[in-house]
Amino acid sequence: MPKKTPNAKATTAKHKAAFLAAFSTKACNISEGCKAAGIGRQTAYDWQDSDPKFKADMAACKAALIDMAESLLFRNMTEGDTTALIFFLKTQAKDRGYVERQEIRIDPADITIGKDMEGLN
């Protein structure tokens, strides 16, 4: 009886599942996910470009990692961790003055070029 070779689609699906499992447990590190799944990095990028579900699954893994980090930051803040508090305020409370540098935003609609600007070429 001839030996059956695995179906290419089934093999790819197993490799994708192995990659996503490792990717989610290895801080969304593509290299680590690829090593665990036995694939090359380019394969993961090719799948991401050609398979919308795979791309969405990768994004979901990353979103879950960010959610976990936010939860830990919140926990550290509630425990009085000064570094966590400062980080939060610098990133989320800029409008209240928690910044190290000033950001100046100019609306292009407010810029007018008149006679005084001619000849600056």
N, C-alpha and C. Protein backbone atom coordinates (compact mmCIF):
# COMPACT_ATOMS: atom_id res chain seq x y z
N MET A 1 0.85 -1.17 0.00
CA MET A 1 0.00 0.00 0.00
C MET A 1 0.90 1.24 0.00
N PRO A 2 0.68 2.19 -0.94
CA PRO A 2 1.53 3.37 -1.02
C PRO A 2 1.32 4.29 0.17
N LYS A 3 2.43 4.91 0.59
CA LYS A 3 2.38 5.84 1.72
C LYS A 3 1.75 7.15 1.26
N LYS A 4 0.79 7.66 2.03
CA LYS A 4 0.12 8.91 1.67
C LYS A 4 0.96 10.10 2.13
N THR A 5 1.08 11.07 1.25
CA THR A 5 1.76 12.30 1.65
C THR A 5 0.71 13.25 2.22
N PRO A 6 1.09 14.03 3.21
CA PRO A 6 0.10 14.93 3.82
C PRO A 6 -0.42 15.97 2.82
N ASN A 7 -1.64 16.30 2.98
CA ASN A 7 -2.27 17.33 2.16
C ASN A 7 -1.57 18.66 2.44
N ALA A 8 -1.20 19.38 1.38
CA ALA A 8 -0.47 20.64 1.53
C ALA A 8 -1.28 21.66 2.34
N LYS A 9 -2.60 21.72 2.11
CA LYS A 9 -3.43 22.66 2.86
C LYS A 9 -3.44 22.32 4.34
N ALA A 10 -3.54 21.04 4.66
CA ALA A 10 -3.56 20.61 6.05
C ALA A 10 -2.23 20.91 6.72
N THR A 11 -1.13 20.67 6.00
CA THR A 11 0.20 20.96 6.53
C THR A 11 0.36 22.45 6.80
N THR A 12 -0.07 23.26 5.85
CA THR A 12 0.02 24.71 6.02
C THR A 12 -0.83 25.15 7.20
N ALA A 13 -2.02 24.61 7.33
CA ALA A 13 -2.90 24.97 8.44
C ALA A 13 -2.25 24.61 9.78
N LYS A 14 -1.58 23.46 9.84
CA LYS A 14 -0.90 23.05 11.08
C LYS A 14 0.25 24.00 11.40
N HIS A 15 1.00 24.38 10.36
CA HIS A 15 2.11 25.31 10.57
C HIS A 15 1.60 26.69 11.01
N LYS A 16 0.51 27.12 10.42
CA LYS A 16 -0.07 28.41 10.82
C LYS A 16 -0.51 28.37 12.27
N ALA A 17 -1.16 27.29 12.66
CA ALA A 17 -1.63 27.14 14.05
C ALA A 17 -0.44 27.10 15.01
N ALA A 18 0.60 26.37 14.63
CA ALA A 18 1.80 26.30 15.48
C ALA A 18 2.46 27.66 15.60
N PHE A 19 2.52 28.38 14.50
CA PHE A 19 3.11 29.72 14.53
C PHE A 19 2.31 30.63 15.45
N LEU A 20 0.98 30.67 15.28
CA LEU A 20 0.14 31.56 16.08
C LEU A 20 0.20 31.22 17.56
N ALA A 21 0.27 29.94 17.89
CA ALA A 21 0.37 29.53 19.30
C ALA A 21 1.67 30.05 19.90
N ALA A 22 2.78 29.88 19.19
CA ALA A 22 4.07 30.35 19.68
C ALA A 22 4.14 31.87 19.68
N PHE A 23 3.62 32.47 18.63
CA PHE A 23 3.62 33.93 18.50
C PHE A 23 2.93 34.58 19.69
N SER A 24 1.82 34.01 20.11
CA SER A 24 1.06 34.59 21.22
C SER A 24 1.74 34.39 22.56
N THR A 25 2.52 33.32 22.71
CA THR A 25 3.18 33.06 23.99
C THR A 25 4.61 33.61 24.04
N LYS A 26 5.13 34.08 22.93
CA LYS A 26 6.50 34.61 22.88
C LYS A 26 6.49 36.11 22.61
N ALA A 27 5.57 36.83 23.23
CA ALA A 27 5.49 38.30 23.14
C ALA A 27 5.34 38.79 21.70
N CYS A 28 4.64 38.03 20.88
CA CYS A 28 4.39 38.39 19.48
C CYS A 28 5.69 38.59 18.71
N ASN A 29 6.66 37.77 19.01
CA ASN A 29 7.95 37.81 18.33
C ASN A 29 7.89 36.88 17.12
N ILE A 30 8.02 37.46 15.94
CA ILE A 30 7.88 36.68 14.70
C ILE A 30 8.96 35.61 14.60
N SER A 31 10.20 35.95 14.92
CA SER A 31 11.29 34.97 14.83
C SER A 31 11.01 33.75 15.71
N GLU A 32 10.56 33.99 16.94
CA GLU A 32 10.28 32.88 17.85
C GLU A 32 9.10 32.05 17.35
N GLY A 33 8.09 32.70 16.83
CA GLY A 33 6.95 31.97 16.28
C GLY A 33 7.36 31.09 15.11
N CYS A 34 8.22 31.64 14.26
CA CYS A 34 8.70 30.88 13.10
C CYS A 34 9.54 29.68 13.52
N LYS A 35 10.43 29.87 14.49
CA LYS A 35 11.25 28.75 14.97
C LYS A 35 10.37 27.63 15.49
N ALA A 36 9.39 27.98 16.30
CA ALA A 36 8.50 26.98 16.89
C ALA A 36 7.69 26.23 15.83
N ALA A 37 7.31 26.94 14.77
CA ALA A 37 6.48 26.33 13.72
C ALA A 37 7.32 25.65 12.65
N GLY A 38 8.63 25.86 12.69
CA GLY A 38 9.51 25.25 11.69
C GLY A 38 9.37 25.88 10.32
N ILE A 39 9.15 27.19 10.31
CA ILE A 39 9.01 27.91 9.04
C ILE A 39 9.99 29.08 9.01
N GLY A 40 10.20 29.64 7.83
CA GLY A 40 11.03 30.82 7.68
C GLY A 40 10.21 32.08 7.90
N ARG A 41 10.92 33.16 8.27
CA ARG A 41 10.23 34.43 8.51
C ARG A 41 9.44 34.89 7.29
N GLN A 42 10.01 34.72 6.11
CA GLN A 42 9.32 35.17 4.90
C GLN A 42 7.99 34.46 4.71
N THR A 43 7.93 33.20 5.12
CA THR A 43 6.68 32.45 5.03
C THR A 43 5.60 33.13 5.87
N ALA A 44 5.96 33.53 7.09
CA ALA A 44 4.98 34.21 7.95
C ALA A 44 4.52 35.51 7.31
N TYR A 45 5.46 36.27 6.73
CA TYR A 45 5.08 37.51 6.07
C TYR A 45 4.21 37.25 4.84
N ASP A 46 4.53 36.19 4.09
CA ASP A 46 3.72 35.83 2.92
C ASP A 46 2.29 35.47 3.34
N TRP A 47 2.17 34.68 4.40
CA TRP A 47 0.84 34.32 4.91
C TRP A 47 0.08 35.57 5.34
N GLN A 48 0.78 36.48 5.99
CA GLN A 48 0.14 37.70 6.47
C GLN A 48 -0.38 38.52 5.28
N ASP A 49 0.37 38.54 4.18
CA ASP A 49 -0.04 39.30 3.00
C ASP A 49 -1.16 38.62 2.22
N SER A 50 -1.20 37.29 2.24
CA SER A 50 -2.15 36.58 1.38
C SER A 50 -3.37 36.01 2.11
N ASP A 51 -3.35 35.97 3.42
CA ASP A 51 -4.43 35.34 4.18
C ASP A 51 -4.99 36.34 5.20
N PRO A 52 -6.13 36.97 4.89
CA PRO A 52 -6.71 37.97 5.81
C PRO A 52 -7.01 37.42 7.21
N LYS A 53 -7.43 36.16 7.29
CA LYS A 53 -7.72 35.57 8.61
C LYS A 53 -6.43 35.43 9.42
N PHE A 54 -5.36 34.98 8.79
CA PHE A 54 -4.08 34.85 9.48
C PHE A 54 -3.60 36.21 9.96
N LYS A 55 -3.73 37.21 9.10
CA LYS A 55 -3.34 38.58 9.47
C LYS A 55 -4.16 39.06 10.67
N ALA A 56 -5.46 38.80 10.64
CA ALA A 56 -6.33 39.20 11.75
C ALA A 56 -5.98 38.45 13.03
N ASP A 57 -5.63 37.16 12.90
CA ASP A 57 -5.23 36.37 14.07
C ASP A 57 -3.94 36.92 14.68
N MET A 58 -2.99 37.33 13.83
CA MET A 58 -1.75 37.95 14.34
C MET A 58 -2.07 39.25 15.07
N ALA A 59 -2.95 40.06 14.49
CA ALA A 59 -3.34 41.33 15.11
C ALA A 59 -4.04 41.08 16.45
N ALA A 60 -4.84 40.03 16.52
CA ALA A 60 -5.54 39.69 17.77
C ALA A 60 -4.54 39.28 18.85
N CYS A 61 -3.51 38.55 18.46
CA CYS A 61 -2.46 38.17 19.42
C CYS A 61 -1.78 39.41 19.97
N LYS A 62 -1.46 40.34 19.09
CA LYS A 62 -0.79 41.56 19.52
C LYS A 62 -1.71 42.40 20.41
N ALA A 63 -2.98 42.49 20.06
CA ALA A 63 -3.93 43.24 20.87
C ALA A 63 -4.05 42.62 22.27
N ALA A 64 -4.05 41.30 22.34
CA ALA A 64 -4.12 40.62 23.64
C ALA A 64 -2.88 40.91 24.48
N LEU A 65 -1.72 40.97 23.84
CA LEU A 65 -0.49 41.29 24.55
C LEU A 65 -0.54 42.72 25.09
N ILE A 66 -1.04 43.64 24.29
CA ILE A 66 -1.17 45.04 24.74
C ILE A 66 -2.17 45.14 25.88
N ASP A 67 -3.28 44.40 25.79
CA ASP A 67 -4.27 44.39 26.87
C ASP A 67 -3.63 43.91 28.18
N MET A 68 -2.82 42.85 28.09
CA MET A 68 -2.17 42.32 29.27
C MET A 68 -1.21 43.35 29.86
N ALA A 69 -0.44 44.03 29.00
CA ALA A 69 0.50 45.04 29.48
C ALA A 69 -0.24 46.20 30.15
N GLU A 70 -1.36 46.60 29.57
CA GLU A 70 -2.16 47.66 30.17
C GLU A 70 -2.70 47.24 31.54
N SER A 71 -3.10 46.00 31.65
CA SER A 71 -3.60 45.49 32.94
C SER A 71 -2.50 45.51 34.00
N LEU A 72 -1.29 45.10 33.60
CA LEU A 72 -0.18 45.12 34.55
C LEU A 72 0.20 46.55 34.93
N LEU A 73 0.17 47.45 33.95
CA LEU A 73 0.44 48.85 34.25
C LEU A 73 -0.59 49.38 35.25
N PHE A 74 -1.84 49.09 35.02
CA PHE A 74 -2.90 49.53 35.93
C PHE A 74 -2.69 48.96 37.33
N ARG A 75 -2.37 47.67 37.39
CA ARG A 75 -2.13 47.05 38.70
C ARG A 75 -0.96 47.74 39.41
N ASN A 76 0.12 47.98 38.68
CA ASN A 76 1.27 48.66 39.28
C ASN A 76 0.91 50.06 39.74
N MET A 77 0.09 50.76 38.96
CA MET A 77 -0.34 52.10 39.35
C MET A 77 -1.14 52.06 40.65
N THR A 78 -2.07 51.11 40.74
CA THR A 78 -2.91 51.04 41.94
C THR A 78 -2.12 50.62 43.16
N GLU A 79 -0.96 49.99 42.94
CA GLU A 79 -0.09 49.61 44.05
C GLU A 79 0.89 50.73 44.41
N GLY A 80 0.77 51.86 43.71
CA GLY A 80 1.60 53.02 44.04
C GLY A 80 2.96 53.05 43.38
N ASP A 81 3.17 52.27 42.33
CA ASP A 81 4.45 52.27 41.62
C ASP A 81 4.63 53.62 40.93
N THR A 82 5.58 54.40 41.43
CA THR A 82 5.80 55.76 40.92
C THR A 82 6.15 55.76 39.44
N THR A 83 6.98 54.85 39.01
CA THR A 83 7.36 54.80 37.59
C THR A 83 6.15 54.56 36.71
N ALA A 84 5.29 53.64 37.13
CA ALA A 84 4.07 53.36 36.36
C ALA A 84 3.17 54.59 36.32
N LEU A 85 3.06 55.27 37.45
CA LEU A 85 2.23 56.48 37.49
C LEU A 85 2.77 57.56 36.55
N ILE A 86 4.07 57.79 36.60
CA ILE A 86 4.68 58.80 35.73
C ILE A 86 4.49 58.44 34.26
N PHE A 87 4.73 57.17 33.92
CA PHE A 87 4.56 56.74 32.54
C PHE A 87 3.13 56.98 32.07
N PHE A 88 2.18 56.58 32.88
CA PHE A 88 0.78 56.77 32.52
C PHE A 88 0.46 58.24 32.29
N LEU A 89 0.86 59.08 33.23
CA LEU A 89 0.55 60.51 33.11
C LEU A 89 1.23 61.14 31.89
N LYS A 90 2.47 60.75 31.60
CA LYS A 90 3.18 61.32 30.44
C LYS A 90 2.55 60.89 29.12
N THR A 91 1.94 59.72 29.10
CA THR A 91 1.36 59.25 27.84
C THR A 91 -0.13 59.54 27.72
N GLN A 92 -0.83 59.64 28.84
CA GLN A 92 -2.28 59.79 28.79
C GLN A 92 -2.81 61.12 29.31
N ALA A 93 -1.94 61.93 29.93
CA ALA A 93 -2.41 63.19 30.51
C ALA A 93 -1.59 64.38 30.01
N LYS A 94 -1.17 64.31 28.76
CA LYS A 94 -0.41 65.42 28.19
C LYS A 94 -1.20 66.72 28.23
N ASP A 95 -2.49 66.62 28.03
CA ASP A 95 -3.33 67.81 28.02
C ASP A 95 -3.40 68.49 29.38
N ARG A 96 -2.93 67.82 30.41
CA ARG A 96 -2.91 68.40 31.76
C ARG A 96 -1.51 68.86 32.16
N GLY A 97 -0.59 68.84 31.20
CA GLY A 97 0.74 69.37 31.46
C GLY A 97 1.80 68.34 31.80
N TYR A 98 1.47 67.06 31.76
CA TYR A 98 2.46 66.02 32.08
C TYR A 98 3.28 65.69 30.84
N VAL A 99 4.12 66.63 30.45
CA VAL A 99 4.97 66.45 29.27
C VAL A 99 6.37 66.95 29.59
N GLU A 100 7.35 66.40 28.91
CA GLU A 100 8.72 66.86 29.07
C GLU A 100 9.08 67.86 27.98
N ARG A 101 8.32 67.87 26.92
CA ARG A 101 8.56 68.80 25.83
C ARG A 101 7.23 69.31 25.35
N GLN A 102 7.25 70.44 24.76
CA GLN A 102 6.03 71.02 24.24
C GLN A 102 5.85 70.59 22.79
N GLU A 103 4.65 70.27 22.44
CA GLU A 103 4.32 69.95 21.07
C GLU A 103 3.52 71.10 20.50
N ILE A 104 4.00 71.64 19.39
CA ILE A 104 3.30 72.74 18.74
C ILE A 104 2.67 72.18 17.48
N ARG A 105 1.39 72.30 17.40
CA ARG A 105 0.66 71.81 16.23
C ARG A 105 0.11 73.00 15.47
N ILE A 106 0.40 73.04 14.20
CA ILE A 106 -0.06 74.13 13.35
C ILE A 106 -1.00 73.56 12.31
N ASP A 107 -2.16 74.16 12.22
CA ASP A 107 -3.13 73.76 11.21
C ASP A 107 -2.71 74.42 9.90
N PRO A 108 -2.46 73.64 8.86
CA PRO A 108 -2.06 74.23 7.57
C PRO A 108 -3.04 75.28 7.05
N ALA A 109 -4.29 75.18 7.47
CA ALA A 109 -5.29 76.16 7.02
C ALA A 109 -5.02 77.54 7.61
N ASP A 110 -4.26 77.59 8.71
CA ASP A 110 -3.95 78.87 9.35
C ASP A 110 -2.74 79.57 8.72
N ILE A 111 -2.07 78.90 7.80
CA ILE A 111 -0.88 79.48 7.18
C ILE A 111 -1.29 80.23 5.92
N THR A 112 -0.89 81.48 5.86
CA THR A 112 -1.16 82.27 4.65
C THR A 112 0.16 82.77 4.10
N ILE A 113 0.24 82.78 2.82
CA ILE A 113 1.44 83.30 2.16
C ILE A 113 1.02 84.58 1.45
N GLY A 114 1.59 85.66 1.92
CA GLY A 114 1.26 86.97 1.35
C GLY A 114 2.47 87.60 0.70
N LYS A 115 2.36 88.88 0.48
CA LYS A 115 3.43 89.63 -0.16
C LYS A 115 4.73 89.54 0.63
N ASP A 116 4.62 89.55 1.97
CA ASP A 116 5.83 89.50 2.78
C ASP A 116 6.59 88.19 2.63
N MET A 117 5.95 87.15 2.09
CA MET A 117 6.61 85.85 1.91
C MET A 117 7.16 85.68 0.49
N GLU A 118 6.82 86.57 -0.41
CA GLU A 118 7.32 86.46 -1.77
C GLU A 118 8.82 86.73 -1.77
N GLY A 119 9.51 86.09 -2.63
CA GLY A 119 10.94 86.30 -2.75
C GLY A 119 11.77 85.45 -1.80
N LEU A 120 11.14 84.57 -1.02
CA LEU A 120 11.89 83.69 -0.14
C LEU A 120 12.40 82.44 -0.86
N ASN A 121 12.10 82.31 -2.11
CA ASN A 121 12.54 81.13 -2.85
C ASN A 121 14.01 81.08 -2.96
